[in-house]
C-alpha atoms as a PDB file:
ATOM      1  CA  MET A   1     -12.935  12.392  13.225  1.00  0.00           C
ATOM      2  CA  MET A   2     -12.887  12.259   9.200  1.00  0.00           C
ATOM      3  CA  ARG A   3     -10.864  10.684   6.981  1.00  0.00           C
ATOM      4  CA  ILE A   4      -9.874   9.979   3.326  1.00  0.00           C
ATOM      5  CA  THR A   5      -9.134   6.785   2.424  1.00  0.00           C
ATOM      6  CA  GLU A   6      -7.645   5.392  -0.599  1.00  0.00           C
ATOM      7  CA  GLU A   7     -10.654   5.162  -2.436  1.00  0.00           C
ATOM      8  CA  CYS A   8      -9.944   9.072  -3.095  1.00  0.00           C
ATOM      9  CA  LEU A   9      -9.884  10.062  -6.936  1.00  0.00           C
ATOM     10  CA  ALA A  10      -8.582  13.599  -6.030  1.00  0.00           C
ATOM     11  CA  CYS A  11     -11.776  15.030  -7.895  1.00  0.00           C
ATOM     12  CA  GLY A  12     -11.750  17.950  -5.648  1.00  0.00           C
ATOM     13  CA  SER A  13     -15.562  17.722  -4.676  1.00  0.00           C
ATOM     14  CA  CYS A  14     -14.740  17.668  -1.003  1.00  0.00           C
ATOM     15  CA  ILE A  15     -12.406  20.690  -1.120  1.00  0.00           C
ATOM     16  CA  ASP A  16     -15.360  22.918  -2.481  1.00  0.00           C
ATOM     17  CA  SER A  17     -17.555  21.615  -0.014  1.00  0.00           C
ATOM     18  CA  CYS A  18     -15.657  22.131   3.338  1.00  0.00           C
ATOM     19  CA  PRO A  19     -16.582  25.323   5.250  1.00  0.00           C
ATOM     20  CA  VAL A  20     -13.356  25.515   7.155  1.00  0.00           C
ATOM     21  CA  GLU A  21     -10.995  24.597   4.266  1.00  0.00           C
ATOM     22  CA  ALA A  22      -9.807  21.651   6.226  1.00  0.00           C
ATOM     23  CA  ILE A  23      -8.871  19.405   3.335  1.00  0.00           C
ATOM     24  CA  SER A  24      -5.508  19.511   1.478  1.00  0.00           C
ATOM     25  CA  GLU A  25      -4.882  18.235  -2.143  1.00  0.00           C
ATOM     26  CA  GLY A  26      -2.380  15.747  -2.921  1.00  0.00           C
ATOM     27  CA  ASP A  27      -2.738  12.096  -4.935  1.00  0.00           C
ATOM     28  CA  ILE A  28      -4.975  11.030  -1.683  1.00  0.00           C
ATOM     29  CA  TYR A  29      -6.531  14.039  -0.164  1.00  0.00           C
ATOM     30  CA  SER A  30      -6.202  14.645   3.448  1.00  0.00           C
ATOM     31  CA  ILE A  31      -7.942  16.326   6.288  1.00  0.00           C
ATOM     32  CA  ASP A  32      -6.357  18.409   8.960  1.00  0.00           C
ATOM     33  CA  GLN A  33      -8.039  17.237  11.837  1.00  0.00           C
ATOM     34  CA  GLU A  34      -7.325  20.594  13.874  1.00  0.00           C
ATOM     35  CA  LYS A  35      -9.434  22.298  11.397  1.00  0.00           C
ATOM     36  CA  CYS A  36     -12.138  19.659  10.857  1.00  0.00           C
ATOM     37  CA  GLU A  37     -15.182  20.360  12.522  1.00  0.00           C
ATOM     38  CA  ASN A  38     -16.864  16.886  11.409  1.00  0.00           C
ATOM     39  CA  CYS A  39     -19.739  18.490   9.727  1.00  0.00           C
ATOM     40  CA  GLY A  40     -19.863  15.792   7.011  1.00  0.00           C
ATOM     41  CA  ALA A  41     -20.357  18.293   4.147  1.00  0.00           C
ATOM     42  CA  CYS A  42     -17.409  16.388   2.727  1.00  0.00           C
ATOM     43  CA  VAL A  43     -18.962  12.946   3.177  1.00  0.00           C
ATOM     44  CA  ASP A  44     -22.238  14.349   1.115  1.00  0.00           C
ATOM     45  CA  THR A  45     -20.175  15.376  -1.648  1.00  0.00           C
ATOM     46  CA  CYS A  46     -17.793  12.606  -2.311  1.00  0.00           C
ATOM     47  CA  PRO A  47     -18.574  10.330  -5.360  1.00  0.00           C
ATOM     48  CA  THR A  48     -16.672   7.442  -4.400  1.00  0.00           C
ATOM     49  CA  GLY A  49     -17.495   7.460  -0.471  1.00  0.00           C
ATOM     50  CA  ALA A  50     -13.732   7.695  -0.026  1.00  0.00           C
ATOM     51  CA  ILE A  51     -14.287   9.981   3.178  1.00  0.00           C
ATOM     52  CA  VAL A  52     -15.432   8.037   6.336  1.00  0.00           C
ATOM     53  CA  GLU A  53     -16.081   8.709  10.174  1.00  0.00           C
ATOM     54  CA  ASP A  54     -13.327   6.910  12.445  1.00  0.00           C
END
């Protein structure tokens, strides 16, 4: 399961990389766990390392 931490800068990189549109905007972005396929594309594009796998 992927999770976005407080280090999120809300830059939008992860939204563009998600193939299933599981990421939502906000002060800190969030991942819809029902849509997420744990592909890791968002992890690779996050410039701050704010996306982690639990």
